[in-house]
């Protein structure tokens, strides 16, 4: 499903794969990371969660992805 999303403000997902323990998403290069957004003092956790939810990444985050410092 993520591979079908095409929007200039959303990175393109090239491939999704995994096993019982890990999931991986291969996507186009992003000049900034989600980790940088998490460390942004002007972006609250609630706002970041809202943004992530709006682009449909909540299921991805729930599949064993750990955000350092969250």
Protein backbone atom coordinates (compact mmCIF):
# COMPACT_ATOMS: atom_id res chain seq x y z
CA UNK A 1 0.00 0.00 0.00
CA UNK A 2 2.79 2.49 0.87
CA UNK A 3 4.36 1.81 -2.53
CA UNK A 4 1.25 3.21 -4.22
CA UNK A 5 1.51 6.63 -2.57
CA UNK A 6 2.87 9.28 -4.92
CA UNK A 7 3.08 12.82 -3.60
CA UNK A 8 5.82 15.47 -3.84
CA UNK A 9 5.92 15.81 -0.03
CA UNK A 10 6.10 12.06 0.72
CA UNK A 11 9.13 9.86 0.00
CA UNK A 12 8.69 7.03 -2.47
CA UNK A 13 8.76 3.52 -1.01
CA UNK A 14 10.67 1.15 -3.30
CA UNK A 15 10.40 -2.11 -1.39
CA UNK A 16 9.11 -3.58 1.88
CA UNK A 17 10.45 -6.86 3.23
CA UNK A 18 11.04 -8.65 6.50
CA UNK A 19 10.80 -11.77 8.59
CA UNK A 20 9.14 -12.68 11.88
CA UNK A 21 11.52 -10.48 13.89
CA UNK A 22 12.21 -7.45 11.68
CA UNK A 23 10.61 -5.33 8.99
CA UNK A 24 12.50 -3.14 6.53
CA UNK A 25 11.40 -0.38 4.19
CA UNK A 26 13.58 0.74 1.27
CA UNK A 27 12.72 4.28 0.25
CA UNK A 28 14.22 7.17 -1.65
CA UNK A 29 16.88 9.31 -0.01
CA UNK A 30 15.59 11.87 2.48
CA UNK A 31 17.79 14.88 3.30
CA UNK A 32 16.41 14.81 6.85
CA UNK A 33 15.51 11.95 9.14
CA UNK A 34 12.66 11.19 11.48
CA UNK A 35 15.29 11.18 14.22
CA UNK A 36 16.03 14.85 13.48
CA UNK A 37 12.32 15.66 13.73
CA UNK A 38 12.15 13.89 17.09
CA UNK A 39 15.01 16.05 18.37
CA UNK A 40 13.40 19.28 17.15
CA UNK A 41 12.47 21.38 20.23
CA UNK A 42 9.72 23.14 18.25
CA UNK A 43 7.95 19.91 17.36
CA UNK A 44 6.10 18.23 20.24
CA UNK A 45 5.61 14.48 20.44
CA UNK A 46 1.90 14.99 19.91
CA UNK A 47 2.49 17.05 16.75
CA UNK A 48 5.01 14.53 15.42
CA UNK A 49 2.56 11.68 16.08
CA UNK A 50 -0.16 13.62 14.26
CA UNK A 51 2.09 14.15 11.24
CA UNK A 52 3.14 10.50 11.15
CA UNK A 53 -0.48 9.42 11.47
CA UNK A 54 -1.57 11.70 8.64
CA UNK A 55 0.78 10.03 6.19
CA UNK A 56 -0.22 6.55 7.30
CA UNK A 57 2.98 5.45 9.01
CA UNK A 58 1.47 4.43 12.32
CA UNK A 59 1.28 0.74 11.28
CA UNK A 60 4.94 0.92 10.26
CA UNK A 61 5.95 2.34 13.62
CA UNK A 62 4.00 -0.37 15.39
CA UNK A 63 5.88 -3.12 13.50
CA UNK A 64 9.05 -3.18 15.63
CA UNK A 65 10.43 0.19 14.58
CA UNK A 66 12.03 1.88 17.55
CA UNK A 67 12.45 5.63 17.63
CA UNK A 68 15.54 6.45 19.62
CA UNK A 69 14.85 8.93 22.38
CA UNK A 70 11.06 8.68 22.17
